[in-house]
Every structure is written in structure tokens, then in C-alpha cells.
Protein backbone atom coordinates (compact mmCIF):
# COMPACT_ATOMS: atom_id res chain seq x y z
CA MET A 1 0.00 0.00 0.00
CA LYS A 2 1.07 3.60 -0.59
CA ILE A 3 1.01 5.71 2.55
CA LEU A 4 1.61 9.42 3.15
CA VAL A 5 2.57 10.47 6.68
CA THR A 6 2.45 14.20 7.33
CA GLY A 7 4.60 15.47 10.17
CA ALA A 8 6.93 12.56 9.44
CA SER A 9 9.94 14.23 11.03
CA GLY A 10 8.13 14.53 14.37
CA PHE A 11 8.07 12.20 17.34
CA ILE A 12 4.97 10.18 16.45
CA GLY A 13 5.28 10.63 12.69
CA SER A 14 8.77 9.16 12.52
CA PHE A 15 7.61 6.01 14.31
CA ILE A 16 4.66 5.68 11.91
CA VAL A 17 7.05 5.87 8.95
CA SER A 18 9.31 3.17 10.43
CA GLU A 19 6.40 0.84 11.15
CA GLY A 20 4.97 1.32 7.66
CA LEU A 21 8.27 0.38 6.10
CA GLU A 22 8.59 -2.68 8.34
CA ARG A 23 5.13 -3.78 7.17
CA GLY A 24 6.33 -3.61 3.57
CA HIS A 25 4.34 -0.53 2.55
CA GLU A 26 5.53 2.21 0.22
CA VAL A 27 5.84 5.09 2.67
CA TRP A 28 6.11 8.75 1.78
CA ALA A 29 7.36 11.05 4.53
CA GLY A 30 5.57 14.39 4.31
CA VAL A 31 7.99 17.04 5.56
CA ARG A 32 8.78 20.71 5.23
CA ARG A 33 11.96 21.67 3.42
CA SER A 34 13.45 22.79 6.75
CA SER A 35 12.44 19.64 8.65
CA SER A 36 15.05 17.47 10.30
CA ARG A 37 15.42 14.03 8.77
CA GLN A 38 17.39 12.62 11.69
CA TYR A 39 14.92 9.78 12.31
CA LEU A 40 14.06 9.21 8.65
CA GLN A 41 17.28 7.54 7.54
CA ASP A 42 15.82 4.32 6.12
CA GLU A 43 16.71 4.32 2.42
CA ARG A 44 13.28 2.91 1.57
CA THR A 45 11.65 6.16 2.69
CA GLN A 46 10.36 8.44 -0.04
CA PHE A 47 9.98 12.13 0.69
CA ALA A 48 7.24 14.60 -0.13
CA GLU A 49 7.98 18.24 0.60
CA LEU A 50 4.61 19.74 1.57
CA ASP A 51 3.56 23.27 2.49
CA LEU A 52 0.47 22.89 4.65
CA SER A 53 0.18 26.65 5.08
CA ASN A 54 -1.17 27.31 1.58
CA THR A 55 -3.87 25.30 -0.19
CA GLU A 56 -2.97 26.40 -3.72
CA ARG A 57 0.74 25.67 -3.32
CA LEU A 58 -0.03 22.37 -1.61
CA THR A 59 -2.37 21.36 -4.43
CA GLN A 60 0.43 21.99 -6.92
CA GLN A 61 2.85 19.91 -4.85
CA LEU A 62 0.36 17.04 -4.59
CA SER A 63 -0.38 17.13 -8.32
CA THR A 64 3.33 16.89 -9.09
CA LEU A 65 3.69 13.92 -6.74
CA LYS A 66 0.64 12.29 -8.29
CA ALA A 67 2.26 12.49 -11.72
CA GLN A 68 5.42 10.90 -10.29
CA MET A 69 3.30 8.02 -8.96
CA GLY A 70 1.77 7.27 -12.33
CA GLY A 71 -1.36 9.34 -11.91
CA LYS A 72 -2.44 7.70 -8.66
CA GLY A 73 -2.43 8.96 -5.10
CA TRP A 74 -1.92 7.30 -1.74
CA ASP A 75 -4.11 4.55 -0.34
CA TYR A 76 -3.83 5.97 3.18
CA VAL A 77 -2.99 9.43 4.48
CA ILE A 78 -1.97 9.71 8.12
CA HIS A 79 -2.11 13.32 9.23
CA ALA A 80 0.32 13.52 12.14
CA ALA A 81 1.58 17.05 11.48
CA GLY A 82 0.78 19.46 14.27
CA ALA A 83 2.08 22.10 16.65
CA THR A 84 2.34 21.29 20.36
CA LYS A 85 4.17 24.55 21.14
CA SER A 86 3.69 28.06 19.81
CA LEU A 87 4.64 31.56 20.86
CA HIS A 88 1.11 32.76 20.25
CA ARG A 89 -2.35 31.23 20.37
CA GLU A 90 -2.82 31.90 16.64
CA GLY A 91 0.13 29.63 15.85
CA PHE A 92 -1.73 26.55 17.08
CA PHE A 93 -4.69 27.33 14.84
CA ARG A 94 -2.53 28.05 11.79
CA THR A 95 -0.86 24.65 12.04
CA ASN A 96 -3.42 22.37 13.68
CA THR A 97 -6.67 23.75 12.26
CA ASP A 98 -5.81 25.59 9.05
CA GLY A 99 -3.14 23.05 8.12
CA THR A 100 -5.70 20.24 8.34
CA GLN A 101 -8.17 22.15 6.21
CA HIS A 102 -5.52 22.95 3.61
CA LEU A 103 -4.49 19.29 3.38
CA ILE A 104 -8.05 18.04 2.85
CA CYS A 105 -8.88 20.75 0.33
CA ALA A 106 -5.68 20.08 -1.61
CA LEU A 107 -6.29 16.31 -1.66
CA ARG A 108 -9.77 17.00 -2.97
CA ALA A 109 -8.57 19.49 -5.59
CA ALA A 110 -5.85 17.14 -6.83
CA ASP A 111 -8.32 14.23 -6.93
CA MET A 112 -6.16 12.31 -4.45
CA MET A 113 -8.64 11.50 -1.69
CA PRO A 114 -7.36 8.30 0.00
CA LYS A 115 -9.28 5.20 1.04
CA ARG A 116 -8.79 6.29 4.64
CA LEU A 117 -7.48 9.42 6.33
CA VAL A 118 -6.31 9.06 9.92
CA PHE A 119 -6.11 12.30 11.90
CA ILE A 120 -3.96 12.35 15.04
CA SER A 121 -5.80 14.55 17.50
CA SER A 122 -5.52 14.56 21.30
CA LEU A 123 -7.38 13.82 24.53
CA SER A 124 -6.73 17.51 25.27
CA VAL A 125 -9.76 18.43 23.16
CA PHE A 126 -11.92 17.51 26.18
CA GLY A 127 -10.14 19.53 28.85
CA ALA A 128 -10.71 19.23 32.58
CA ILE A 129 -13.98 17.33 32.90
CA ARG A 130 -15.30 14.56 35.21
CA GLU A 131 -12.98 15.81 37.96
CA SER A 132 -15.49 15.29 40.75
CA ASP A 133 -15.56 11.50 40.44
CA TYR A 134 -12.54 10.79 38.20
CA SER A 135 -14.66 8.63 35.92
CA PRO A 136 -13.38 7.98 32.38
CA ILE A 137 -14.02 10.66 29.77
CA LEU A 138 -16.44 9.34 27.13
CA ASP A 139 -16.65 10.23 23.46
CA THR A 140 -20.23 11.36 24.13
CA ASP A 141 -19.07 14.02 26.60
CA THR A 142 -19.06 17.69 25.62
CA PRO A 143 -15.50 18.86 24.89
CA LYS A 144 -14.30 21.79 27.02
CA PRO A 145 -10.67 22.34 26.01
CA ASN A 146 -8.72 24.57 28.38
CA THR A 147 -5.60 25.05 26.25
CA ALA A 148 -5.01 26.76 22.92
CA TYR A 149 -3.57 23.46 21.68
CA GLY A 150 -6.74 21.57 22.63
CA GLU A 151 -8.98 24.25 21.15
CA SER A 152 -7.11 24.16 17.84
CA LYS A 153 -7.32 20.37 17.64
CA LEU A 154 -11.03 20.47 18.44
CA ALA A 155 -11.60 23.07 15.73
CA ALA A 156 -9.80 20.79 13.27
CA GLU A 157 -11.92 17.81 14.37
CA ARG A 158 -15.17 19.70 13.99
CA TRP A 159 -14.28 20.94 10.53
CA LEU A 160 -13.18 17.46 9.47
CA GLN A 161 -16.41 15.94 10.77
CA GLU A 162 -18.34 18.18 8.37
CA GLN A 163 -16.48 16.77 5.33
CA LYS A 164 -18.79 13.94 4.33
CA ASP A 165 -16.68 12.91 1.33
CA VAL A 166 -13.59 12.30 3.48
CA PRO A 167 -13.17 8.74 4.87
CA TRP A 168 -11.70 9.95 8.16
CA VAL A 169 -10.90 8.30 11.46
CA ILE A 170 -9.80 10.42 14.42
CA LEU A 171 -7.42 9.14 17.11
CA ARG A 172 -7.18 10.96 20.45
CA PRO A 173 -4.16 9.71 22.39
CA THR A 174 -3.54 10.77 25.97
CA GLY A 175 0.03 11.70 26.98
CA VAL A 176 2.34 9.99 24.47
CA TYR A 177 5.83 9.09 25.66
CA GLY A 178 8.76 7.07 24.37
CA PRO A 179 12.15 7.40 22.67
CA ARG A 180 12.73 10.76 20.89
CA GLU A 181 10.03 12.55 22.92
CA ARG A 182 11.38 15.61 24.76
CA ASP A 183 8.73 16.85 27.21
CA TYR A 184 8.70 13.71 29.36
CA PHE A 185 12.47 13.62 28.98
CA LEU A 186 12.61 16.86 30.96
CA MET A 187 11.15 14.93 33.91
CA ALA A 188 13.82 12.26 33.54
CA LYS A 189 16.49 14.95 33.40
CA SER A 190 15.11 16.59 36.55
CA ILE A 191 15.08 13.28 38.42
CA LYS A 192 18.63 12.63 37.26
CA GLY A 193 19.39 15.90 39.05
CA HIS A 194 17.70 14.50 42.19
CA VAL A 195 14.58 16.71 42.02
CA ASP A 196 10.99 15.74 41.20
CA PHE A 197 8.48 18.57 40.97
CA ALA A 198 4.70 18.11 41.16
CA VAL A 199 1.81 20.49 41.75
CA GLY A 200 -1.60 20.41 43.41
CA TYR A 201 -2.72 18.64 46.55
CA ARG A 202 -5.87 17.00 45.21
CA PRO A 203 -5.44 13.45 43.89
CA GLN A 204 -4.52 13.27 40.23
CA GLU A 205 -5.29 10.37 37.89
CA ILE A 206 -2.97 10.36 34.89
CA THR A 207 -2.99 8.20 31.77
CA PHE A 208 -0.23 7.41 29.32
CA VAL A 209 0.21 5.70 25.97
CA TYR A 210 3.49 4.45 24.59
CA VAL A 211 4.29 5.66 21.10
CA ARG A 212 4.34 2.14 19.65
CA ASP A 213 0.77 1.57 20.82
CA VAL A 214 -0.30 4.77 19.08
CA VAL A 215 1.33 3.46 15.91
CA GLN A 216 -0.52 0.16 16.33
CA ALA A 217 -3.81 2.06 16.47
CA VAL A 218 -2.90 4.10 13.37
CA PHE A 219 -2.48 1.01 11.22
CA LEU A 220 -5.56 -0.64 12.68
CA ALA A 221 -7.52 2.48 11.71
CA CYS A 222 -6.11 2.25 8.19
CA GLU A 223 -6.62 -1.46 7.67
CA GLN A 224 -9.92 -2.06 9.50
CA VAL A 225 -12.37 -2.94 6.73
CA GLU A 226 -15.50 -2.51 8.85
CA GLU A 227 -17.45 0.54 7.75
CA LYS A 228 -18.41 1.27 11.36
CA VAL A 229 -14.95 2.72 12.07
CA LEU A 230 -15.41 5.43 9.45
CA HIS A 231 -16.29 8.86 10.80
CA ARG A 232 -15.47 7.74 14.35
CA ALA A 233 -13.11 9.12 16.97
CA TYR A 234 -11.23 6.93 19.46
CA PHE A 235 -9.37 7.58 22.70
CA LEU A 236 -6.01 5.88 23.16
CA SER A 237 -4.22 5.01 26.40
CA ASP A 238 -2.56 1.91 27.81
CA GLY A 239 -5.84 1.07 29.54
CA GLU A 240 -4.63 1.96 33.03
CA SER A 241 -4.63 5.07 35.21
CA TYR A 242 -1.81 6.12 37.50
CA ASN A 243 -1.25 8.44 40.42
CA SER A 244 0.92 11.52 40.04
CA ARG A 245 4.07 9.76 41.32
CA ALA A 246 3.93 6.63 39.17
CA PHE A 247 5.88 7.92 36.18
CA SER A 248 8.58 9.68 38.20
CA ASP A 249 9.03 6.69 40.51
CA LEU A 250 9.53 4.37 37.54
CA LEU A 251 12.04 6.78 36.00
CA GLN A 252 13.93 7.01 39.29
CA ARG A 253 14.09 3.24 39.65
CA GLU A 254 15.14 2.62 36.06
CA MET A 255 17.83 5.30 36.12
CA GLY A 256 19.09 4.11 39.50
CA THR A 257 18.90 7.61 40.96
CA ARG A 258 19.05 7.81 44.74
CA CYS A 259 17.85 10.49 47.12
CA VAL A 260 15.35 12.36 44.96
CA LEU A 261 13.75 15.41 46.54
CA HIS A 262 10.02 15.28 45.80
CA ILE A 263 8.58 18.80 45.84
CA LYS A 264 4.83 19.39 45.66
CA ALA A 265 3.86 23.01 45.13
CA PRO A 266 0.40 24.61 45.29
CA LEU A 267 -1.39 25.36 42.03
CA TRP A 268 -1.26 29.12 42.60
CA PHE A 269 2.53 28.93 42.63
CA LEU A 270 2.63 27.05 39.32
CA ARG A 271 0.14 29.50 37.81
CA ALA A 272 2.32 32.46 38.78
CA ILE A 273 5.48 30.86 37.40
CA CYS A 274 3.80 29.89 34.11
CA ALA A 275 2.17 33.31 33.67
CA VAL A 276 5.40 35.23 34.23
CA ASN A 277 7.63 32.86 32.29
CA GLY A 278 5.20 32.61 29.37
CA THR A 279 4.92 36.40 29.10
CA VAL A 280 8.67 36.99 29.29
CA CYS A 281 9.43 34.30 26.72
CA ARG A 282 6.85 35.74 24.29
CA TRP A 283 8.51 39.14 24.61
CA MET A 284 11.88 37.52 23.88
CA GLY A 285 10.51 35.43 21.02
CA GLN A 286 11.45 32.17 22.71
CA LEU A 287 9.39 29.00 22.96
CA THR A 288 8.98 27.73 26.51
CA THR A 289 7.53 24.67 28.18
CA LEU A 290 6.27 26.64 31.19
CA ASN A 291 3.33 28.71 29.97
CA MET A 292 -0.38 28.95 30.74
CA ASP A 293 -1.20 26.01 28.50
CA LYS A 294 1.24 23.93 30.52
CA TYR A 295 -0.36 25.18 33.74
CA HIS A 296 -3.78 23.93 32.63
CA ILE A 297 -2.30 20.57 31.60
CA LEU A 298 -0.46 20.06 34.90
CA SER A 299 -3.38 21.27 37.01
CA GLN A 300 -5.90 18.94 35.34
CA ARG A 301 -6.80 16.22 37.83
CA ASN A 302 -8.52 13.62 35.64
CA TRP A 303 -6.97 12.15 32.48
CA ASN A 304 -8.97 8.91 32.48
CA CYS A 305 -10.54 8.06 29.14
CA ASP A 306 -12.64 5.21 27.79
CA ILE A 307 -10.71 3.10 25.26
CA GLU A 308 -13.30 0.31 24.99
CA PRO A 309 -14.60 1.58 21.60
CA ALA A 310 -11.04 1.38 20.24
CA ARG A 311 -10.68 -2.14 21.62
CA CYS A 312 -14.02 -3.36 20.28
CA GLU A 313 -14.15 -1.63 16.91
CA LEU A 314 -10.51 -1.18 15.88
CA GLY A 315 -9.14 -4.25 17.64
CA TYR A 316 -6.76 -2.01 19.60
CA ASP A 317 -4.81 -3.98 22.20
CA PRO A 318 -2.20 -1.90 24.06
CA GLN A 319 0.98 -3.89 24.61
CA TRP A 320 3.08 -1.35 26.49
CA GLN A 321 2.09 -0.78 30.10
CA LEU A 322 3.87 2.11 31.75
CA GLU A 323 6.57 0.05 33.45
CA ARG A 324 7.57 -1.69 30.21
CA GLY A 325 7.50 1.56 28.26
CA VAL A 326 9.65 3.43 30.76
CA VAL A 327 12.28 0.66 30.67
CA GLU A 328 12.65 0.95 26.89
CA THR A 329 12.51 4.74 26.95
CA VAL A 330 15.25 5.13 29.55
CA ALA A 331 17.38 2.55 27.74
CA TRP A 332 17.07 4.67 24.59
CA TYR A 333 17.92 7.88 26.49
CA LYS A 334 21.11 6.24 27.75
CA LYS A 335 22.03 4.73 24.38
CA GLU A 336 21.63 8.07 22.62
CA GLY A 337 23.52 10.00 25.28
CA TRP A 338 20.52 12.00 26.46
CA LEU A 339 21.18 10.82 30.03
């Protein structure tokens, strides 16, 4: 099968490309001209330079690629391109919302609509809900995103859901971790320095999904022949929920770090730090992890989500529980000299 993966140079996208190649597919890595190709070294990979910021230019690029492929397009398009950080709120919408619209419109204009389009969204589209009883978030709940990132992904979802001619499937992973990912690496780096920082005194239920399980779900969404999966959205996690110390404790054990100082600060303190740091970094034109979006993410108490629809309809079967995933992730950090 011919597969296009947008955002192929990114964390999740690069793993999707590798898995597609291992399955014997013809995989095209959709990248920007300036994108790093560090994790796209397999010589079987074919590249498609795509400008998702402009529909007309993108249509021309797709038409040229179509001619190179003998007048045919891709069987599957996996839209993994997206912005998780931006200096300004508008940046999330330009990439996550407008970029999705431009891709669909260009595929339509070039007559290259695939058999299936898989859109990588996020659990963040639902925001902080069901925090009184910590029950799993359901796909029937009303989304209330509390971050610009979540709002931009929700806007993309809603626009996509209106496109009746597009054979889409939406995947909403919770926190994705694994080799090459940098945000969770910052926690490992902090623990290596003997400090673990957490916020909020109310209990927090957190969910995770290892990158290889996300990739499993992507190919299930592509290859599932049942019509019932079309025009459906699915949550992804490893099927478990964890307390706020679980991830850091596993990192500490796997890295063999002794005497870690566990600091728990009140939410007002985190809010102040994120507000000041986010403002200063915007003035300086620097991206930062500590901003108001990050505050809302860290202060959210309930990240439980219902993955039974993914299990029953896609055949999704998470293989990487948190302990197993952390072992492989830390091993990769050490091998690559990150730790």
C-alpha cells in the first residue's frame, strides 16, 4: 500500500514511517523543506515536501507527486503534522486547524482522496472534565478544552467531521511518551538531578500511551475494513490510570537515581510561574515549556478516558504498560547519550 505520513519528522510521525516500512508498505514522509530528517534515515523512505500553510501551493505539490506516482495517489494518508508549542495562540490554529483544512482541500482538488485518512488529535480536546468522580471521559461528553492546543485540535476535528466525502478516522491519544520525545524527557532529566516537581494537593489520575501503541492504532484504523470505524473518533491510552508519582518513581528506579527530593507546590505557585515565564518568553521570542497552556495541563486532575470503543471496533490492544514503556525509553535515552 502507498502511505503518506504528514509530520513525518516529528516524534509520532517518525515512528509511523518506520512501522509502515517494516510492514512492507511504500511510505512517503511528508515534511517541510526545513524539517530534520534525523529519524528518517531508512533508504526505503520516499519524501514529499509539503507546504500545509497554503492550499494552492499544496495542491500543486500534490499534483506533481501524483504524476510521479503514475497518476495515482496514496491509499492511506496519516495526518500527524501538528504544533504542540507556539509563541502565540494563533500559531496553534494556523498549524493544527488551518493546516488540516488545507491538506483536505488540496487532496480533494488534486483528486487524491485516499481510502482512509487518519487524523492524530488529542485527549486535550476535552479539557478538565469529570474531575469530581474521576470517571473515564467518554466520546459522548461535551469537549471543554482549556488550552489553545486543545482548542485548535477540536476546531480541526469539527471541521473534518463536516467533510462527508472524506473517509476519516480520528485518534485521540492521551500523553504519548517514548524514545525521541522531549517533554517527558525533561522529567527524567530533573530526576537525574535529584529533584521531582509536582503540583496540586488533590489526587490526580494520569494516563499514558506508549508511542508504539499509538502506531498500532494508526495502522488498525487504516486497515480495518469494517465501515463502522469510518467517521469515528477513538481515545487511546494503555488502559490503566496512574497516580501523580507513578511515572517519576519508575524513572527514578530505572535510572538508579538515589535520594530524589520530591517537591509538591500549590497550584497558585505554578500558575504564577507559568504566567510570568510565558509572558517573558513571548517578549523575547522564545518557545517555553512553562506557559499557561502547561499550567492547565499540569493542574488537570482527571486524564482517564474510555478506550473500549477502540478495543471493540478497531481491535486495539495496548501492549506497552507504563513500566515496560519506561524501561525501553530510559534505555534509549542512555544509548543516545541523552542521560
